């Protein structure tokens, strides 16, 4: 299966949702790169996947049975728990002026 294909993405999304008590998704258009699928598990863990375009992203989420949110709602953001590794990586970055 090709990386970014509907079947591959569906499998990865299903796997994430199963391991985290279910999930919701937000799809973000990222230009020529395609679309980013941000998955937020019911337990607060999150992950992301990349699709060639938003249509493929929506189709993969639909096949995986994961609800796609239209935008970032406050409740969804509050549910997310950034990992300690993410906090460490963010603390090493310097802000450009």
Protein backbone atom coordinates (compact mmCIF):
# COMPACT_ATOMS: atom_id res chain seq x y z
CA UNK A 1 0.00 0.00 0.00
CA UNK A 2 1.31 3.43 -0.89
CA UNK A 3 2.02 5.92 1.86
CA UNK A 4 -0.86 8.38 2.08
CA UNK A 5 -3.32 6.07 0.31
CA UNK A 6 -6.87 5.82 1.64
CA UNK A 7 -6.35 2.21 2.75
CA UNK A 8 -3.10 2.96 4.59
CA UNK A 9 -4.51 6.06 6.28
CA UNK A 10 -7.71 4.23 7.23
CA UNK A 11 -5.69 1.48 8.88
CA UNK A 12 -3.51 3.95 10.81
CA UNK A 13 -6.52 6.02 11.92
CA UNK A 14 -8.42 2.92 13.06
CA UNK A 15 -5.38 1.73 14.97
CA UNK A 16 -4.99 5.07 16.76
CA UNK A 17 -8.69 5.27 17.62
CA UNK A 18 -8.73 1.69 18.95
CA UNK A 19 -5.73 2.36 21.16
CA UNK A 20 -7.13 5.56 22.64
CA UNK A 21 -10.79 4.80 23.31
CA UNK A 22 -12.01 6.45 20.12
CA UNK A 23 -10.92 9.62 18.37
CA UNK A 24 -12.00 12.78 16.61
CA UNK A 25 -10.16 14.39 13.70
CA UNK A 26 -9.48 17.87 12.38
CA UNK A 27 -8.29 18.13 8.78
CA UNK A 28 -6.03 21.04 7.88
CA UNK A 29 -5.09 22.02 4.32
CA UNK A 30 -1.31 22.49 4.12
CA UNK A 31 -0.82 23.63 0.53
CA UNK A 32 1.12 21.55 -1.97
CA UNK A 33 1.97 19.00 0.71
CA UNK A 34 -1.71 18.05 0.98
CA UNK A 35 -3.68 17.77 4.18
CA UNK A 36 -2.82 17.10 7.81
CA UNK A 37 -5.16 14.89 9.80
CA UNK A 38 -4.86 15.67 13.51
CA UNK A 39 -6.33 12.86 15.59
CA UNK A 40 -7.33 13.48 19.21
CA UNK A 41 -8.00 10.37 21.26
CA UNK A 42 -10.66 10.19 23.97
CA UNK A 43 -7.81 9.80 26.47
CA UNK A 44 -6.23 13.12 25.40
CA UNK A 45 -3.35 11.68 23.37
CA UNK A 46 -2.98 13.01 19.84
CA UNK A 47 -1.24 12.18 16.61
CA UNK A 48 -1.20 13.34 13.04
CA UNK A 49 -1.09 11.83 9.57
CA UNK A 50 -0.60 13.38 6.15
CA UNK A 51 -2.79 12.78 3.12
CA UNK A 52 -2.26 13.90 -0.48
CA UNK A 53 -5.37 16.10 -0.29
CA UNK A 54 -8.38 16.90 1.90
CA UNK A 55 -10.65 14.54 -0.06
CA UNK A 56 -8.43 11.55 0.69
CA UNK A 57 -8.19 12.67 4.33
CA UNK A 58 -11.98 12.89 4.72
CA UNK A 59 -12.49 9.55 2.96
CA UNK A 60 -9.96 7.81 5.22
CA UNK A 61 -11.59 9.24 8.36
CA UNK A 62 -15.01 8.20 7.09
CA UNK A 63 -13.86 4.62 6.39
CA UNK A 64 -12.20 4.48 9.83
CA UNK A 65 -15.39 5.66 11.54
CA UNK A 66 -13.74 8.76 13.02
CA UNK A 67 -15.77 11.95 13.27
CA UNK A 68 -14.25 14.96 11.50
CA UNK A 69 -14.68 18.28 13.29
CA UNK A 70 -15.09 21.33 11.05
CA UNK A 71 -12.72 23.43 13.15
CA UNK A 72 -10.81 23.47 16.42
CA UNK A 73 -13.44 23.74 19.15
CA UNK A 74 -12.44 24.72 22.67
CA UNK A 75 -13.58 21.38 24.10
CA UNK A 76 -11.40 19.46 21.67
CA UNK A 77 -8.36 21.60 22.43
CA UNK A 78 -8.89 21.20 26.18
CA UNK A 79 -9.06 17.43 25.72
CA UNK A 80 -5.55 17.30 24.17
CA UNK A 81 -2.65 16.41 26.43
CA UNK A 82 0.74 17.28 24.93
CA UNK A 83 3.39 14.69 25.72
CA UNK A 84 6.44 15.49 27.81
CA UNK A 85 8.58 14.95 24.70
CA UNK A 86 6.63 17.66 22.87
CA UNK A 87 7.08 20.13 25.74
CA UNK A 88 10.83 19.39 25.78
CA UNK A 89 11.13 19.88 22.02
CA UNK A 90 9.21 23.17 22.18
CA UNK A 91 11.43 24.47 24.99
CA UNK A 92 14.54 23.97 22.81
CA UNK A 93 13.19 26.11 19.99
CA UNK A 94 14.05 29.78 19.89
CA UNK A 95 11.62 32.37 18.66
CA UNK A 96 12.63 34.21 15.47
CA UNK A 97 12.35 37.97 15.54
